[in-house]
Full PDB file with SEQRES, HELIX, SHEET, SSBOND, CRYST1, ORIGX, SCALE, CONECT and MASTER records, all heavy atoms in Angstrom:
SEQRES   1 A   41  ARG ALA GLU LEU VAL ARG ARG LEU LEU GLU TYR GLU GLN          
SEQRES   2 A   41  MET LYS VAL ALA ALA GLY ARG LEU ASN GLU MET PRO GLN          
SEQRES   3 A   41  VAL GLU ARG ASP PHE THR LEU ALA ARG VAL TRP ILE ASP          
SEQRES   4 A   41  PRO VAL                                                      
HELIX    1 AA1 ALA A    2  GLU A   23  1                                  22    
CRYST1    1.000    1.000    1.000  90.00  90.00  90.00 P 1           1          
ORIGX1      1.000000  0.000000  0.000000        0.00000                         
ORIGX2      0.000000  1.000000  0.000000        0.00000                         
ORIGX3      0.000000  0.000000  1.000000        0.00000                         
SCALE1      1.000000  0.000000  0.000000        0.00000                         
SCALE2      0.000000  1.000000  0.000000        0.00000                         
SCALE3      0.000000  0.000000  1.000000        0.00000                         
ATOM      1  N   ARG A   1      17.864  14.831 -11.584  1.00  0.00           N  
ATOM      2  CA  ARG A   1      18.474  13.629 -12.147  1.00  0.00           C  
ATOM      3  C   ARG A   1      18.494  13.638 -13.669  1.00  0.00           C  
ATOM      4  O   ARG A   1      19.095  12.748 -14.291  1.00  0.00           O  
ATOM      5  CB  ARG A   1      17.716  12.381 -11.672  1.00  0.00           C  
ATOM      6  CG  ARG A   1      17.639  12.220 -10.178  1.00  0.00           C  
ATOM      7  CD  ARG A   1      16.673  11.109  -9.796  1.00  0.00           C  
ATOM      8  NE  ARG A   1      15.308  11.410 -10.218  1.00  0.00           N  
ATOM      9  CZ  ARG A   1      14.270  10.600 -10.073  1.00  0.00           C  
ATOM     10  NH1 ARG A   1      14.449   9.422  -9.487  1.00  0.00           N  
ATOM     11  NH2 ARG A   1      13.069  10.950 -10.484  1.00  0.00           N  
ATOM     12  N   ALA A   2      17.828  14.613 -14.294  1.00  0.00           N  
ATOM     13  CA  ALA A   2      17.653  14.589 -15.754  1.00  0.00           C  
ATOM     14  C   ALA A   2      18.992  14.576 -16.491  1.00  0.00           C  
ATOM     15  O   ALA A   2      19.199  13.788 -17.422  1.00  0.00           O  
ATOM     16  CB  ALA A   2      16.799  15.780 -16.198  1.00  0.00           C  
ATOM     17  N   GLU A   3      19.923  15.431 -16.103  1.00  0.00           N  
ATOM     18  CA  GLU A   3      21.209  15.498 -16.785  1.00  0.00           C  
ATOM     19  C   GLU A   3      22.006  14.207 -16.602  1.00  0.00           C  
ATOM     20  O   GLU A   3      22.625  13.702 -17.551  1.00  0.00           O  
ATOM     21  CB  GLU A   3      22.014  16.686 -16.264  1.00  0.00           C  
ATOM     22  CG  GLU A   3      23.396  16.826 -16.879  1.00  0.00           C  
ATOM     23  CD  GLU A   3      23.362  17.098 -18.369  1.00  0.00           C  
ATOM     24  OE1 GLU A   3      22.302  17.535 -18.875  1.00  0.00           O  
ATOM     25  OE2 GLU A   3      24.388  16.847 -19.034  1.00  0.00           O  
ATOM     26  N   LEU A   4      21.958  13.641 -15.395  1.00  0.00           N  
ATOM     27  CA  LEU A   4      22.673  12.388 -15.155  1.00  0.00           C  
ATOM     28  C   LEU A   4      22.067  11.249 -15.965  1.00  0.00           C  
ATOM     29  O   LEU A   4      22.786  10.420 -16.529  1.00  0.00           O  
ATOM     30  CB  LEU A   4      22.647  12.055 -13.663  1.00  0.00           C  
ATOM     31  CG  LEU A   4      23.336  10.741 -13.253  1.00  0.00           C  
ATOM     32  CD1 LEU A   4      24.820  10.788 -13.608  1.00  0.00           C  
ATOM     33  CD2 LEU A   4      23.155  10.475 -11.763  1.00  0.00           C  
ATOM     34  N   VAL A   5      20.723  11.206 -16.033  1.00  0.00           N  
ATOM     35  CA  VAL A   5      20.053  10.162 -16.812  1.00  0.00           C  
ATOM     36  C   VAL A   5      20.430  10.285 -18.287  1.00  0.00           C  
ATOM     37  O   VAL A   5      20.707   9.281 -18.965  1.00  0.00           O  
ATOM     38  CB  VAL A   5      18.530  10.245 -16.627  1.00  0.00           C  
ATOM     39  CG1 VAL A   5      17.813   9.340 -17.623  1.00  0.00           C  
ATOM     40  CG2 VAL A   5      18.146   9.874 -15.204  1.00  0.00           C  
ATOM     41  N   ARG A   6      20.444  11.517 -18.793  1.00  0.00           N  
ATOM     42  CA  ARG A   6      20.810  11.725 -20.195  1.00  0.00           C  
ATOM     43  C   ARG A   6      22.229  11.228 -20.480  1.00  0.00           C  
ATOM     44  O   ARG A   6      22.486  10.539 -21.471  1.00  0.00           O  
ATOM     45  CB  ARG A   6      20.692  13.209 -20.549  1.00  0.00           C  
ATOM     46  CG  ARG A   6      20.997  13.532 -22.016  1.00  0.00           C  
ATOM     47  CD  ARG A   6      21.094  15.029 -22.231  1.00  0.00           C  
ATOM     48  NE  ARG A   6      22.220  15.583 -21.503  1.00  0.00           N  
ATOM     49  CZ  ARG A   6      23.481  15.535 -21.928  1.00  0.00           C  
ATOM     50  NH1 ARG A   6      23.772  14.940 -23.065  1.00  0.00           N  
ATOM     51  NH2 ARG A   6      24.458  16.066 -21.214  1.00  0.00           N  
ATOM     52  N   ARG A   7      23.161  11.559 -19.592  1.00  0.00           N  
ATOM     53  CA  ARG A   7      24.548  11.129 -19.780  1.00  0.00           C  
ATOM     54  C   ARG A   7      24.675   9.609 -19.704  1.00  0.00           C  
ATOM     55  O   ARG A   7      25.421   8.986 -20.479  1.00  0.00           O  
ATOM     56  CB  ARG A   7      25.435  11.788 -18.736  1.00  0.00           C  
ATOM     57  CG  ARG A   7      25.584  13.288 -18.905  1.00  0.00           C  
ATOM     58  CD  ARG A   7      26.373  13.892 -17.754  1.00  0.00           C  
ATOM     59  NE  ARG A   7      27.707  13.311 -17.666  1.00  0.00           N  
ATOM     60  CZ  ARG A   7      28.560  13.574 -16.675  1.00  0.00           C  
ATOM     61  NH1 ARG A   7      28.201  14.399 -15.677  1.00  0.00           N  
ATOM     62  NH2 ARG A   7      29.765  13.011 -16.666  1.00  0.00           N  
ATOM     63  N   LEU A   8      23.926   8.983 -18.789  1.00  0.00           N  
ATOM     64  CA  LEU A   8      23.990   7.528 -18.664  1.00  0.00           C  
ATOM     65  C   LEU A   8      23.436   6.832 -19.905  1.00  0.00           C  
ATOM     66  O   LEU A   8      24.009   5.845 -20.386  1.00  0.00           O  
ATOM     67  CB  LEU A   8      23.231   7.082 -17.415  1.00  0.00           C  
ATOM     68  CG  LEU A   8      23.938   7.317 -16.074  1.00  0.00           C  
ATOM     69  CD1 LEU A   8      22.993   7.011 -14.922  1.00  0.00           C  
ATOM     70  CD2 LEU A   8      25.197   6.461 -15.962  1.00  0.00           C  
ATOM     71  N   LEU A   9      22.298   7.343 -20.432  1.00  0.00           N  
ATOM     72  CA  LEU A   9      21.707   6.732 -21.620  1.00  0.00           C  
ATOM     73  C   LEU A   9      22.621   6.876 -22.835  1.00  0.00           C  
ATOM     74  O   LEU A   9      22.794   5.932 -23.620  1.00  0.00           O  
ATOM     75  CB  LEU A   9      20.337   7.362 -21.902  1.00  0.00           C  
ATOM     76  CG  LEU A   9      19.233   7.048 -20.882  1.00  0.00           C  
ATOM     77  CD1 LEU A   9      17.955   7.790 -21.226  1.00  0.00           C  
ATOM     78  CD2 LEU A   9      18.968   5.541 -20.825  1.00  0.00           C  
ATOM     79  N   GLU A  10      23.197   8.061 -22.976  1.00  0.00           N  
ATOM     80  CA  GLU A  10      24.118   8.260 -24.099  1.00  0.00           C  
ATOM     81  C   GLU A  10      25.353   7.363 -23.965  1.00  0.00           C  
ATOM     82  O   GLU A  10      25.825   6.786 -24.945  1.00  0.00           O  
ATOM     83  CB  GLU A  10      24.545   9.727 -24.177  1.00  0.00           C  
ATOM     84  CG  GLU A  10      23.430  10.661 -24.622  1.00  0.00           C  
ATOM     85  CD  GLU A  10      23.900  12.103 -24.682  1.00  0.00           C  
ATOM     86  OE1 GLU A  10      25.052  12.363 -24.276  1.00  0.00           O  
ATOM     87  OE2 GLU A  10      23.123  12.962 -25.145  1.00  0.00           O  
ATOM     88  N   TYR A  11      25.859   7.245 -22.752  1.00  0.00           N  
ATOM     89  CA  TYR A  11      27.034   6.400 -22.547  1.00  0.00           C  
ATOM     90  C   TYR A  11      26.706   4.934 -22.831  1.00  0.00           C  
ATOM     91  O   TYR A  11      27.508   4.211 -23.431  1.00  0.00           O  
ATOM     92  CB  TYR A  11      27.552   6.556 -21.115  1.00  0.00           C  
ATOM     93  CG  TYR A  11      28.723   5.661 -20.816  1.00  0.00           C  
ATOM     94  CD1 TYR A  11      30.002   5.994 -21.242  1.00  0.00           C  
ATOM     95  CD2 TYR A  11      28.549   4.458 -20.121  1.00  0.00           C  
ATOM     96  CE1 TYR A  11      31.085   5.172 -20.989  1.00  0.00           C  
ATOM     97  CE2 TYR A  11      29.629   3.630 -19.866  1.00  0.00           C  
ATOM     98  CZ  TYR A  11      30.892   3.995 -20.293  1.00  0.00           C  
ATOM     99  OH  TYR A  11      31.956   3.168 -20.049  1.00  0.00           O  
ATOM    100  N   GLU A  12      25.496   4.504 -22.411  1.00  0.00           N  
ATOM    101  CA  GLU A  12      25.110   3.109 -22.652  1.00  0.00           C  
ATOM    102  C   GLU A  12      24.989   2.833 -24.146  1.00  0.00           C  
ATOM    103  O   GLU A  12      25.395   1.765 -24.629  1.00  0.00           O  
ATOM    104  CB  GLU A  12      23.799   2.796 -21.951  1.00  0.00           C  
ATOM    105  CG  GLU A  12      23.413   1.328 -22.022  1.00  0.00           C  
ATOM    106  CD  GLU A  12      22.173   1.011 -21.212  1.00  0.00           C  
ATOM    107  OE1 GLU A  12      21.358   1.944 -21.006  1.00  0.00           O  
ATOM    108  OE2 GLU A  12      22.022  -0.131 -20.788  1.00  0.00           O  
ATOM    109  N   GLN A  13      24.429   3.799 -24.894  1.00  0.00           N  
ATOM    110  CA  GLN A  13      24.328   3.618 -26.340  1.00  0.00           C  
ATOM    111  C   GLN A  13      25.713   3.506 -26.982  1.00  0.00           C  
ATOM    112  O   GLN A  13      25.943   2.650 -27.845  1.00  0.00           O  
ATOM    113  CB  GLN A  13      23.556   4.781 -26.963  1.00  0.00           C  
ATOM    114  CG  GLN A  13      22.082   4.821 -26.577  1.00  0.00           C  
ATOM    115  CD  GLN A  13      21.372   6.036 -27.128  1.00  0.00           C  
ATOM    116  OE1 GLN A  13      21.994   6.904 -27.750  1.00  0.00           O  
ATOM    117  NE2 GLN A  13      20.083   6.116 -26.899  1.00  0.00           N  
ATOM    118  N   MET A  14      26.633   4.368 -26.542  1.00  0.00           N  
ATOM    119  CA  MET A  14      27.979   4.311 -27.096  1.00  0.00           C  
ATOM    120  C   MET A  14      28.685   3.007 -26.713  1.00  0.00           C  
ATOM    121  O   MET A  14      29.432   2.428 -27.506  1.00  0.00           O  
ATOM    122  CB  MET A  14      28.791   5.508 -26.598  1.00  0.00           C  
ATOM    123  CG  MET A  14      28.270   6.847 -27.072  1.00  0.00           C  
ATOM    124  SD  MET A  14      28.314   6.993 -28.875  1.00  0.00           S  
ATOM    125  CE  MET A  14      30.069   6.950 -29.161  1.00  0.00           C  
ATOM    126  N   LYS A  15      28.426   2.532 -25.494  1.00  0.00           N  
ATOM    127  CA  LYS A  15      29.059   1.289 -25.054  1.00  0.00           C  
ATOM    128  C   LYS A  15      28.543   0.097 -25.845  1.00  0.00           C  
ATOM    129  O   LYS A  15      29.320  -0.794 -26.237  1.00  0.00           O  
ATOM    130  CB  LYS A  15      28.795   1.089 -23.566  1.00  0.00           C  
ATOM    131  CG  LYS A  15      29.554  -0.085 -22.955  1.00  0.00           C  
ATOM    132  CD  LYS A  15      29.357  -0.144 -21.460  1.00  0.00           C  
ATOM    133  CE  LYS A  15      30.161  -1.298 -20.854  1.00  0.00           C  
ATOM    134  NZ  LYS A  15      30.002  -1.369 -19.383  1.00  0.00           N  
ATOM    135  N   VAL A  16      27.229   0.076 -26.118  1.00  0.00           N  
ATOM    136  CA  VAL A  16      26.655  -1.010 -26.911  1.00  0.00           C  
ATOM    137  C   VAL A  16      27.205  -0.970 -28.335  1.00  0.00           C  
ATOM    138  O   VAL A  16      27.557  -2.001 -28.923  1.00  0.00           O  
ATOM    139  CB  VAL A  16      25.119  -0.925 -26.907  1.00  0.00           C  
ATOM    140  CG1 VAL A  16      24.522  -1.922 -27.901  1.00  0.00           C  
ATOM    141  CG2 VAL A  16      24.573  -1.195 -25.507  1.00  0.00           C  
ATOM    142  N   ALA A  17      27.290   0.250 -28.896  1.00  0.00           N  
ATOM    143  CA  ALA A  17      27.836   0.376 -30.255  1.00  0.00           C  
ATOM    144  C   ALA A  17      29.293  -0.056 -30.304  1.00  0.00           C  
ATOM    145  O   ALA A  17      29.723  -0.724 -31.253  1.00  0.00           O  
ATOM    146  CB  ALA A  17      27.690   1.826 -30.733  1.00  0.00           C  
ATOM    147  N   ALA A  18      30.063   0.317 -29.271  1.00  0.00           N  
ATOM    148  CA  ALA A  18      31.469  -0.088 -29.232  1.00  0.00           C  
ATOM    149  C   ALA A  18      31.598  -1.605 -29.113  1.00  0.00           C  
ATOM    150  O   ALA A  18      32.493  -2.225 -29.710  1.00  0.00           O  
ATOM    151  CB  ALA A  18      32.187   0.592 -28.077  1.00  0.00           C  
ATOM    152  N   GLY A  19      30.698  -2.229 -28.349  1.00  0.00           N  
ATOM    153  CA  GLY A  19      30.723  -3.681 -28.230  1.00  0.00           C  
ATOM    154  C   GLY A  19      30.424  -4.372 -29.552  1.00  0.00           C  
ATOM    155  O   GLY A  19      31.046  -5.381 -29.890  1.00  0.00           O  
ATOM    156  N   ARG A  20      29.478  -3.801 -30.318  1.00  0.00           N  
ATOM    157  CA  ARG A  20      29.165  -4.391 -31.621  1.00  0.00           C  
ATOM    158  C   ARG A  20      30.332  -4.238 -32.586  1.00  0.00           C  
ATOM    159  O   ARG A  20      30.623  -5.146 -33.371  1.00  0.00           O  
ATOM    160  CB  ARG A  20      27.917  -3.721 -32.195  1.00  0.00           C  
ATOM    161  CG  ARG A  20      26.637  -4.052 -31.420  1.00  0.00           C  
ATOM    162  CD  ARG A  20      25.443  -3.296 -31.971  1.00  0.00           C  
ATOM    163  NE  ARG A  20      24.227  -3.624 -31.225  1.00  0.00           N  
ATOM    164  CZ  ARG A  20      23.053  -3.026 -31.427  1.00  0.00           C  
ATOM    165  NH1 ARG A  20      22.945  -2.080 -32.353  1.00  0.00           N  
ATOM    166  NH2 ARG A  20      22.003  -3.385 -30.712  1.00  0.00           N  
ATOM    167  N   LEU A  21      30.981  -3.075 -32.533  1.00  0.00           N  
ATOM    168  CA  LEU A  21      32.155  -2.885 -33.391  1.00  0.00           C  
ATOM    169  C   LEU A  21      33.275  -3.839 -33.005  1.00  0.00           C  
ATOM    170  O   LEU A  21      33.991  -4.355 -33.872  1.00  0.00           O  
ATOM    171  CB  LEU A  21      32.646  -1.438 -33.293  1.00  0.00           C  
ATOM    172  CG  LEU A  21      31.771  -0.376 -33.954  1.00  0.00           C  
ATOM    173  CD1 LEU A  21      32.332   1.011 -33.692  1.00  0.00           C  
ATOM    174  CD2 LEU A  21      31.652  -0.615 -35.455  1.00  0.00           C  
ATOM    175  N   ASN A  22      33.412  -4.085 -31.701  1.00  0.00           N  
ATOM    176  CA  ASN A  22      34.476  -4.983 -31.247  1.00  0.00           C  
ATOM    177  C   ASN A  22      34.212  -6.427 -31.658  1.00  0.00           C  
ATOM    178  O   ASN A  22      35.145  -7.217 -31.796  1.00  0.00           O  
ATOM    179  CB  ASN A  22      34.610  -4.886 -29.726  1.00  0.00           C  
ATOM    180  CG  ASN A  22      35.832  -5.621 -29.207  1.00  0.00           C  
ATOM    181  OD1 ASN A  22      36.940  -5.373 -29.654  1.00  0.00           O  
ATOM    182  ND2 ASN A  22      35.624  -6.528 -28.268  1.00  0.00           N  
ATOM    183  N   GLU A  23      32.937  -6.782 -31.839  1.00  0.00           N  
ATOM    184  CA  GLU A  23      32.606  -8.140 -32.266  1.00  0.00           C  
ATOM    185  C   GLU A  23      32.897  -8.373 -33.742  1.00  0.00           C  
ATOM    186  O   GLU A  23      32.975  -9.516 -34.182  1.00  0.00           O  
ATOM    187  CB  GLU A  23      31.129  -8.423 -31.991  1.00  0.00           C  
ATOM    188  CG  GLU A  23      30.787  -8.497 -30.501  1.00  0.00           C  
ATOM    189  CD  GLU A  23      29.300  -8.669 -30.270  1.00  0.00           C  
ATOM    190  OE1 GLU A  23      28.548  -8.670 -31.270  1.00  0.00           O  
ATOM    191  OE2 GLU A  23      28.886  -8.797 -29.096  1.00  0.00           O  
ATOM    192  N   MET A  24      33.042  -7.290 -34.508  1.00  0.00           N  
ATOM    193  CA  MET A  24      33.335  -7.437 -35.931  1.00  0.00           C  
ATOM    194  C   MET A  24      34.770  -7.915 -36.113  1.00  0.00           C  
ATOM    195  O   MET A  24      35.637  -7.617 -35.295  1.00  0.00           O  
ATOM    196  CB  MET A  24      33.123  -6.104 -36.660  1.00  0.00           C  
ATOM    197  CG  MET A  24      31.700  -5.588 -36.582  1.00  0.00           C  
ATOM    198  SD  MET A  24      31.516  -3.968 -37.382  1.00  0.00           S  
ATOM    199  CE  MET A  24      31.880  -4.407 -39.078  1.00  0.00           C  
ATOM    200  N   PRO A  25      35.032  -8.691 -37.157  1.00  0.00           N  
ATOM    201  CA  PRO A  25      36.401  -9.172 -37.390  1.00  0.00           C  
ATOM    202  C   PRO A  25      37.370  -8.007 -37.563  1.00  0.00           C  
ATOM    203  O   PRO A  25      37.070  -7.034 -38.253  1.00  0.00           O  
ATOM    204  CB  PRO A  25      36.271 -10.000 -38.686  1.00  0.00           C  
ATOM    205  CG  PRO A  25      34.824 -10.358 -38.764  1.00  0.00           C  
ATOM    206  CD  PRO A  25      34.075  -9.216 -38.136  1.00  0.00           C  
ATOM    207  N   GLN A  26      38.511  -8.116 -36.934  1.00  0.00           N  
ATOM    208  CA  GLN A  26      39.520  -7.071 -36.992  1.00  0.00           C  
ATOM    209  C   GLN A  26      40.835  -7.646 -37.493  1.00  0.00           C  
ATOM    210  O   GLN A  26      41.188  -8.794 -37.202  1.00  0.00           O  
ATOM    211  CB  GLN A  26      39.736  -6.440 -35.608  1.00  0.00           C  
ATOM    212  CG  GLN A  26      38.507  -5.732 -35.051  1.00  0.00           C  
ATOM    213  CD  GLN A  26      38.789  -5.070 -33.721  1.00  0.00           C  
ATOM    214  OE1 GLN A  26      39.935  -4.865 -33.344  1.00  0.00           O  
ATOM    215  NE2 GLN A  26      37.732  -4.718 -33.007  1.00  0.00           N  
ATOM    216  N   VAL A  27      41.534  -6.809 -38.255  1.00  0.00           N  
ATOM    217  CA  VAL A  27      42.830  -7.200 -38.799  1.00  0.00           C  
ATOM    218  C   VAL A  27      43.834  -7.348 -37.655  1.00  0.00           C  
ATOM    219  O   VAL A  27      43.823  -6.579 -36.693  1.00  0.00           O  
ATOM    220  CB  VAL A  27      43.323  -6.156 -39.821  1.00  0.00           C  
ATOM    221  CG1 VAL A  27      44.674  -6.563 -40.391  1.00  0.00           C  
ATOM    222  CG2 VAL A  27      42.313  -6.000 -40.940  1.00  0.00           C  
ATOM    223  N   GLU A  28      44.683  -8.351 -37.752  1.00  0.00           N  
ATOM    224  CA  GLU A  28      45.729  -8.674 -36.780  1.00  0.00           C  
ATOM    225  C   GLU A  28      45.175  -9.190 -35.448  1.00  0.00           C  
ATOM    226  O   GLU A  28      45.938  -9.491 -34.546  1.00  0.00           O  
ATOM    227  CB  GLU A  28      46.650  -7.465 -36.508  1.00  0.00           C  
ATOM    228  CG  GLU A  28      47.298  -6.886 -37.762  1.00  0.00           C  
ATOM    229  CD  GLU A  28      48.185  -7.874 -38.476  1.00  0.00           C  
ATOM    230  OE1 GLU A  28      48.570  -8.875 -37.838  1.00  0.00           O  
ATOM    231  OE2 GLU A  28      48.491  -7.661 -39.666  1.00  0.00           O  
ATOM    232  N   ARG A  29      43.828  -9.261 -35.305  1.00  0.00           N  
ATOM    233  CA  ARG A  29      43.260  -9.878 -34.119  1.00  0.00           C  
ATOM    234  C   ARG A  29      42.529 -11.168 -34.487  1.00  0.00           C  
ATOM    235  O   ARG A  29      42.752 -12.207 -33.866  1.00  0.00           O  
ATOM    236  CB  ARG A  29      42.280  -8.916 -33.427  1.00  0.00           C  
ATOM    237  CG  ARG A  29      41.798  -9.421 -32.062  1.00  0.00           C  
ATOM    238  CD  ARG A  29      40.596  -8.659 -31.547  1.00  0.00           C  
ATOM    239  NE  ARG A  29      39.399  -8.907 -32.333  1.00  0.00           N  
ATOM    240  CZ  ARG A  29      38.199  -8.389 -32.048  1.00  0.00           C  
ATOM    241  NH1 ARG A  29      38.070  -7.574 -31.017  1.00  0.00           N  
ATOM    242  NH2 ARG A  29      37.157  -8.653 -32.814  1.00  0.00           N  
ATOM    243  N   ASP A  30      41.654 -11.089 -35.499  1.00  0.00           N  
ATOM    244  CA  ASP A  30      40.896 -12.257 -35.929  1.00  0.00           C  
ATOM    245  C   ASP A  30      41.461 -12.864 -37.221  1.00  0.00           C  
ATOM    246  O   ASP A  30      41.237 -14.032 -37.503  1.00  0.00           O  
ATOM    247  CB  ASP A  30      39.422 -11.898 -36.130  1.00  0.00           C  
ATOM    248  CG  ASP A  30      38.807 -11.317 -34.867  1.00  0.00           C  
ATOM    249  OD1 ASP A  30      38.942 -11.947 -33.809  1.00  0.00           O  
ATOM    250  OD2 ASP A  30      38.205 -10.234 -34.936  1.00  0.00           O  
ATOM    251  N   PHE A  31      42.124 -12.079 -38.014  1.00  0.00           N  
ATOM    252  CA  PHE A  31      42.696 -12.591 -39.247  1.00  0.00           C  
ATOM    253  C   PHE A  31      43.884 -11.711 -39.626  1.00  0.00           C  
ATOM    254  O   PHE A  31      44.050 -10.607 -39.085  1.00  0.00           O  
ATOM    255  CB  PHE A  31      41.665 -12.628 -40.387  1.00  0.00           C  
ATOM    256  CG  PHE A  31      41.119 -11.275 -40.754  1.00  0.00           C  
ATOM    257  CD1 PHE A  31      41.705 -10.505 -41.746  1.00  0.00           C  
ATOM    258  CD2 PHE A  31      40.014 -10.766 -40.084  1.00  0.00           C  
ATOM    259  CE1 PHE A  31      41.203  -9.270 -42.079  1.00  0.00           C  
ATOM    260  CE2 PHE A  31      39.506  -9.524 -40.414  1.00  0.00           C  
ATOM    261  CZ  PHE A  31      40.095  -8.772 -41.412  1.00  0.00           C  
ATOM    262  N   THR A  32      44.688 -12.209 -40.531  1.00  0.00           N  
ATOM    263  CA  THR A  32      45.880 -11.497 -40.977  1.00  0.00           C  
ATOM    264  C   THR A  32      45.809 -11.301 -42.480  1.00  0.00           C  
ATOM    265  O   THR A  32      45.408 -12.201 -43.222  1.00  0.00           O  
ATOM    266  CB  THR A  32      47.150 -12.302 -40.630  1.00  0.00           C  
ATOM    267  OG1 THR A  32      47.177 -12.545 -39.214  1.00  0.00           O  
ATOM    268  CG2 THR A  32      48.408 -11.534 -41.031  1.00  0.00           C  
ATOM    269  N   LEU A  33      46.147 -10.100 -42.924  1.00  0.00           N  
ATOM    270  CA  LEU A  33      46.144  -9.801 -44.343  1.00  0.00           C  
ATOM    271  C   LEU A  33      47.389 -10.396 -44.998  1.00  0.00           C  
ATOM    272  O   LEU A  33      48.480 -10.340 -44.440  1.00  0.00           O  
ATOM    273  CB  LEU A  33      46.112  -8.289 -44.576  1.00  0.00           C  
ATOM    274  CG  LEU A  33      44.835  -7.554 -44.142  1.00  0.00           C  
ATOM    275  CD1 LEU A  33      44.985  -6.058 -44.383  1.00  0.00           C  
ATOM    276  CD2 LEU A  33      43.621  -8.085 -44.884  1.00  0.00           C  
ATOM    277  N   ALA A  34      47.185 -10.953 -46.165  1.00  0.00           N  
ATOM    278  CA  ALA A  34      48.312 -11.479 -46.940  1.00  0.00           C  
ATOM    279  C   ALA A  34      48.940 -10.336 -47.729  1.00  0.00           C  
ATOM    280  O   ALA A  34      48.252  -9.586 -48.417  1.00  0.00           O  
ATOM    281  CB  ALA A  34      47.840 -12.582 -47.890  1.00  0.00           C  
ATOM    282  N   ARG A  35      50.225 -10.186 -47.571  1.00  0.00           N  
ATOM    283  CA  ARG A  35      50.937  -9.095 -48.252  1.00  0.00           C  
ATOM    284  C   ARG A  35      51.934  -9.682 -49.249  1.00  0.00           C  
ATOM    285  O   ARG A  35      52.701 -10.575 -48.905  1.00  0.00           O  
ATOM    286  CB  ARG A  35      51.675  -8.213 -47.243  1.00  0.00           C  
ATOM    287  CG  ARG A  35      50.730  -7.458 -46.304  1.00  0.00           C  
ATOM    288  CD  ARG A  35      51.523  -6.588 -45.338  1.00  0.00           C  
ATOM    289  NE  ARG A  35      50.662  -5.770 -44.497  1.00  0.00           N  
ATOM    290  CZ  ARG A  35      50.147  -6.160 -43.344  1.00  0.00           C  
ATOM    291  NH1 ARG A  35      50.424  -7.371 -42.907  1.00  0.00           N  
ATOM    292  NH2 ARG A  35      49.371  -5.361 -42.645  1.00  0.00           N  
ATOM    293  N   VAL A  36      51.869  -9.178 -50.461  1.00  0.00           N  
ATOM    294  CA  VAL A  36      52.774  -9.612 -51.524  1.00  0.00           C  
ATOM    295  C   VAL A  36      53.456  -8.363 -52.074  1.00  0.00           C  
ATOM    296  O   VAL A  36      52.795  -7.435 -52.543  1.00  0.00           O  
ATOM    297  CB  VAL A  36      52.033 -10.352 -52.653  1.00  0.00           C  
ATOM    298  CG1 VAL A  36      53.003 -10.760 -53.744  1.00  0.00           C  
ATOM    299  CG2 VAL A  36      51.309 -11.578 -52.096  1.00  0.00           C  
ATOM    300  N   TRP A  37      54.762  -8.332 -51.975  1.00  0.00           N  
ATOM    301  CA  TRP A  37      55.534  -7.178 -52.463  1.00  0.00           C  
ATOM    302  C   TRP A  37      55.985  -7.478 -53.888  1.00  0.00           C  
ATOM    303  O   TRP A  37      56.649  -8.479 -54.155  1.00  0.00           O  
ATOM    304  CB  TRP A  37      56.737  -6.915 -51.559  1.00  0.00           C  
ATOM    305  CG  TRP A  37      56.343  -6.632 -50.144  1.00  0.00           C  
ATOM    306  CD1 TRP A  37      56.363  -7.489 -49.095  1.00  0.00           C  
ATOM    307  CD2 TRP A  37      55.822  -5.402 -49.625  1.00  0.00           C  
ATOM    308  NE1 TRP A  37      55.902  -6.888 -47.951  1.00  0.00           N  
ATOM    309  CE2 TRP A  37      55.568  -5.601 -48.242  1.00  0.00           C  
ATOM    310  CE3 TRP A  37      55.564  -4.156 -50.178  1.00  0.00           C  
ATOM    311  CZ2 TRP A  37      55.062  -4.597 -47.423  1.00  0.00           C  
ATOM    312  CZ3 TRP A  37      55.055  -3.157 -49.358  1.00  0.00           C  
ATOM    313  CH2 TRP A  37      54.817  -3.382 -48.001  1.00  0.00           C  
ATOM    314  N   ILE A  38      55.626  -6.587 -54.796  1.00  0.00           N  
ATOM    315  CA  ILE A  38      55.970  -6.739 -56.208  1.00  0.00           C  
ATOM    316  C   ILE A  38      56.836  -5.556 -56.616  1.00  0.00           C  
ATOM    317  O   ILE A  38      56.446  -4.396 -56.426  1.00  0.00           O  
ATOM    318  CB  ILE A  38      54.711  -6.811 -57.090  1.00  0.00           C  
ATOM    319  CG1 ILE A  38      53.834  -8.008 -56.665  1.00  0.00           C  
ATOM    320  CG2 ILE A  38      55.089  -6.917 -58.556  1.00  0.00           C  
ATOM    321  CD1 ILE A  38      52.550  -8.109 -57.424  1.00  0.00           C  
ATOM    322  N   ASP A  39      57.991  -5.859 -57.155  1.00  0.00           N  
ATOM    323  CA  ASP A  39      58.879  -4.806 -57.641  1.00  0.00           C  
ATOM    324  C   ASP A  39      58.294  -4.218 -58.914  1.00  0.00           C  
ATOM    325  O   ASP A  39      58.043  -4.951 -59.880  1.00  0.00           O  
ATOM    326  CB  ASP A  39      60.268  -5.388 -57.919  1.00  0.00           C  
ATOM    327  CG  ASP A  39      61.306  -4.292 -58.110  1.00  0.00           C  
ATOM    328  OD1 ASP A  39      60.905  -3.124 -58.221  1.00  0.00           O  
ATOM    329  OD2 ASP A  39      62.505  -4.603 -58.160  1.00  0.00           O  
ATOM    330  N   PRO A  40      58.015  -2.885 -58.941  1.00  0.00           N  
ATOM    331  CA  PRO A  40      57.407  -2.311 -60.163  1.00  0.00           C  
ATOM    332  C   PRO A  40      58.312  -2.411 -61.380  1.00  0.00           C  
ATOM    333  O   PRO A  40      57.836  -2.393 -62.506  1.00  0.00           O  
ATOM    334  CB  PRO A  40      57.158  -0.847 -59.756  1.00  0.00           C  
ATOM    335  CG  PRO A  40      58.103  -0.583 -58.633  1.00  0.00           C  
ATOM    336  CD  PRO A  40      58.251  -1.884 -57.901  1.00  0.00           C  
ATOM    337  N   VAL A  41      59.617  -2.476 -61.181  1.00  0.00           N  
ATOM    338  CA  VAL A  41      60.549  -2.576 -62.306  1.00  0.00           C  
ATOM    339  C   VAL A  41      61.226  -3.941 -62.239  1.00  0.00           C  
ATOM    340  O   VAL A  41      61.958  -4.239 -61.298  1.00  0.00           O  
ATOM    341  CB  VAL A  41      61.602  -1.453 -62.258  1.00  0.00           C  
ATOM    342  CG1 VAL A  41      62.572  -1.604 -63.421  1.00  0.00           C  
ATOM    343  CG2 VAL A  41      60.931  -0.089 -62.290  1.00  0.00           C  
TER     344      VAL A  41                                                      
MASTER        0    0    0    1    0    0    0    6  343    1    0    4          
END                                                                             
């Protein structure tokens, strides 16, 4: 079971990290960036 346990623990760590990243504010999901176009000339 050692290899399966190792894969499960690593996957759980990655899943927890992905969940924390998903909780962070994201552009176009939680807020929108204000864009101002300025003609250089």
